[in-house]
Amino acid sequence: MFRGWGGPAALDLLTDGRSAKPAELAGPEPAAPLAEPSACPQELPAETPMPEHFILLRIALEQVELLELSGHPHQRRRWRLDDSWREQRLNP
């Protein structure tokens, strides 16, 4: 599974047909233990065979929100494509 940006608001996920990742929509299982960084190699050995098929999922982002639960009061922020990704602070 390889991830990259296809534009300012499009996340590309590239995988071969053997991967179960497309069904998981590119995210690890929520609340599962965090995988060690070594479990996600940055490159494959040169002798790795080329897969027969690739799948590209492009996820168009229009809005991103972050809710920080530490501290009081909680902090909530939002970024929107139609607002040039400017940060907007929101009520939690």
C-alpha atoms as a PDB file:
ATOM      1  CA  MET A   1       0.000   0.000   0.000  1.00  0.00           C
ATOM      2  CA  PHE A   2       1.376   3.375  -1.025  1.00  0.00           C
ATOM      3  CA  ARG A   3      -0.190   6.726  -0.186  1.00  0.00           C
ATOM      4  CA  GLY A   4       0.306  10.065  -1.866  1.00  0.00           C
ATOM      5  CA  TRP A   5      -1.481  13.262  -2.749  1.00  0.00           C
ATOM      6  CA  GLY A   6      -3.164  13.508  -6.164  1.00  0.00           C
ATOM      7  CA  GLY A   7      -3.778  17.234  -5.741  1.00  0.00           C
ATOM      8  CA  PRO A   8      -4.450  19.743  -2.971  1.00  0.00           C
ATOM      9  CA  ALA A   9      -7.576  17.862  -1.841  1.00  0.00           C
ATOM     10  CA  ALA A  10      -7.204  14.294  -3.158  1.00  0.00           C
ATOM     11  CA  LEU A  11      -5.553  11.415  -1.322  1.00  0.00           C
ATOM     12  CA  ASP A  12      -4.334   8.594  -3.581  1.00  0.00           C
ATOM     13  CA  LEU A  13      -4.024   5.025  -2.311  1.00  0.00           C
ATOM     14  CA  LEU A  14      -2.154   2.604  -4.561  1.00  0.00           C
ATOM     15  CA  THR A  15      -2.156  -1.129  -3.923  1.00  0.00           C
ATOM     16  CA  ASP A  16      -2.041  -4.375  -5.794  1.00  0.00           C
ATOM     17  CA  GLY A  17      -5.071  -6.661  -5.971  1.00  0.00           C
ATOM     18  CA  ARG A  18      -3.731  -8.930  -3.211  1.00  0.00           C
ATOM     19  CA  SER A  19      -4.148  -6.316  -0.512  1.00  0.00           C
ATOM     20  CA  ALA A  20      -7.209  -6.071   1.728  1.00  0.00           C
ATOM     21  CA  LYS A  21      -6.556  -2.359   2.207  1.00  0.00           C
ATOM     22  CA  PRO A  22      -9.142  -1.056  -0.284  1.00  0.00           C
ATOM     23  CA  ALA A  23     -11.835  -2.717   1.816  1.00  0.00           C
ATOM     24  CA  GLU A  24     -10.440  -1.012   4.910  1.00  0.00           C
ATOM     25  CA  LEU A  25     -10.472   2.399   3.180  1.00  0.00           C
ATOM     26  CA  ALA A  26      -6.784   2.919   3.880  1.00  0.00           C
ATOM     27  CA  GLY A  27      -6.910   3.119   7.609  1.00  0.00           C
ATOM     28  CA  PRO A  28      -5.647   0.869  10.331  1.00  0.00           C
ATOM     29  CA  GLU A  29      -8.201  -0.605  12.684  1.00  0.00           C
ATOM     30  CA  PRO A  30      -9.337   2.113  15.126  1.00  0.00           C
ATOM     31  CA  ALA A  31      -8.171   1.534  18.710  1.00  0.00           C
ATOM     32  CA  ALA A  32      -5.823  -1.290  17.648  1.00  0.00           C
ATOM     33  CA  PRO A  33      -2.285  -1.199  19.047  1.00  0.00           C
ATOM     34  CA  LEU A  34      -0.018   1.110  17.085  1.00  0.00           C
ATOM     35  CA  ALA A  35       2.156  -0.804  14.623  1.00  0.00           C
ATOM     36  CA  GLU A  36       5.895  -0.369  14.893  1.00  0.00           C
ATOM     37  CA  PRO A  37       7.327   1.837  12.129  1.00  0.00           C
ATOM     38  CA  SER A  38       9.424  -1.126  10.950  1.00  0.00           C
ATOM     39  CA  ALA A  39       6.166  -2.939  10.046  1.00  0.00           C
ATOM     40  CA  CYS A  40       5.663  -0.423   7.205  1.00  0.00           C
ATOM     41  CA  PRO A  41       8.692  -0.575   4.869  1.00  0.00           C
ATOM     42  CA  GLN A  42       9.490   2.554   2.890  1.00  0.00           C
ATOM     43  CA  GLU A  43      10.753   0.568  -0.097  1.00  0.00           C
ATOM     44  CA  LEU A  44      10.746  -3.007  -1.373  1.00  0.00           C
ATOM     45  CA  PRO A  45      13.776  -5.062  -2.373  1.00  0.00           C
ATOM     46  CA  ALA A  46      14.665  -4.863  -6.080  1.00  0.00           C
ATOM     47  CA  GLU A  47      13.879  -8.573  -6.550  1.00  0.00           C
ATOM     48  CA  THR A  48      10.246  -8.134  -5.436  1.00  0.00           C
ATOM     49  CA  PRO A  49       8.053  -9.253  -8.376  1.00  0.00           C
ATOM     50  CA  MET A  50       5.762  -6.704 -10.022  1.00  0.00           C
ATOM     51  CA  PRO A  51       2.105  -7.374  -9.148  1.00  0.00           C
ATOM     52  CA  GLU A  52      -0.331  -8.163 -11.957  1.00  0.00           C
ATOM     53  CA  HIS A  53      -2.830  -5.428 -11.061  1.00  0.00           C
ATOM     54  CA  PHE A  54      -2.910  -2.139  -9.228  1.00  0.00           C
ATOM     55  CA  ILE A  55      -5.876  -0.367  -7.668  1.00  0.00           C
ATOM     56  CA  LEU A  56      -6.083   3.395  -7.263  1.00  0.00           C
ATOM     57  CA  LEU A  57      -8.525   4.912  -4.779  1.00  0.00           C
ATOM     58  CA  ARG A  58      -8.798   8.693  -4.888  1.00  0.00           C
ATOM     59  CA  ILE A  59     -10.481  10.210  -1.864  1.00  0.00           C
ATOM     60  CA  ALA A  60     -11.668  13.769  -2.484  1.00  0.00           C
ATOM     61  CA  LEU A  61     -11.345  15.808   0.694  1.00  0.00           C
ATOM     62  CA  GLU A  62     -13.678  18.731   1.239  1.00  0.00           C
ATOM     63  CA  GLN A  63     -13.393  19.161   4.988  1.00  0.00           C
ATOM     64  CA  VAL A  64     -11.130  17.994   7.813  1.00  0.00           C
ATOM     65  CA  GLU A  65     -11.900  18.348  11.523  1.00  0.00           C
ATOM     66  CA  LEU A  66      -9.721  17.802  14.566  1.00  0.00           C
ATOM     67  CA  LEU A  67     -11.117  17.358  18.076  1.00  0.00           C
ATOM     68  CA  GLU A  68      -8.464  17.416  20.796  1.00  0.00           C
ATOM     69  CA  LEU A  69      -9.800  15.852  23.967  1.00  0.00           C
ATOM     70  CA  SER A  70      -6.883  16.734  26.216  1.00  0.00           C
ATOM     71  CA  GLY A  71      -7.208  19.781  28.406  1.00  0.00           C
ATOM     72  CA  HIS A  72     -10.279  21.763  29.272  1.00  0.00           C
ATOM     73  CA  PRO A  73     -12.111  22.996  27.356  1.00  0.00           C
ATOM     74  CA  HIS A  74     -11.574  20.572  24.470  1.00  0.00           C
ATOM     75  CA  GLN A  75     -10.242  22.166  21.282  1.00  0.00           C
ATOM     76  CA  ARG A  76     -12.011  21.683  17.949  1.00  0.00           C
ATOM     77  CA  ARG A  77     -10.761  22.973  14.612  1.00  0.00           C
ATOM     78  CA  ARG A  78     -11.913  22.627  10.999  1.00  0.00           C
ATOM     79  CA  TRP A  79     -10.318  23.196   7.596  1.00  0.00           C
ATOM     80  CA  ARG A  80     -12.438  23.412   4.414  1.00  0.00           C
ATOM     81  CA  LEU A  81     -11.447  23.284   0.754  1.00  0.00           C
ATOM     82  CA  ASP A  82     -13.941  26.018  -0.151  1.00  0.00           C
ATOM     83  CA  ASP A  83     -12.212  28.292   2.400  1.00  0.00           C
ATOM     84  CA  SER A  84      -8.660  27.721   1.049  1.00  0.00           C
ATOM     85  CA  TRP A  85      -7.935  25.312   3.925  1.00  0.00           C
ATOM     86  CA  ARG A  86      -7.887  28.126   6.478  1.00  0.00           C
ATOM     87  CA  GLU A  87      -8.145  26.984  10.061  1.00  0.00           C
ATOM     88  CA  GLN A  88     -11.454  27.716  11.781  1.00  0.00           C
ATOM     89  CA  ARG A  89     -11.765  27.255  15.537  1.00  0.00           C
ATOM     90  CA  LEU A  90     -15.095  25.715  16.613  1.00  0.00           C
ATOM     91  CA  ASN A  91     -16.959  25.054  19.816  1.00  0.00           C
ATOM     92  CA  PRO A  92     -16.196  21.526  21.020  1.00  0.00           C
END
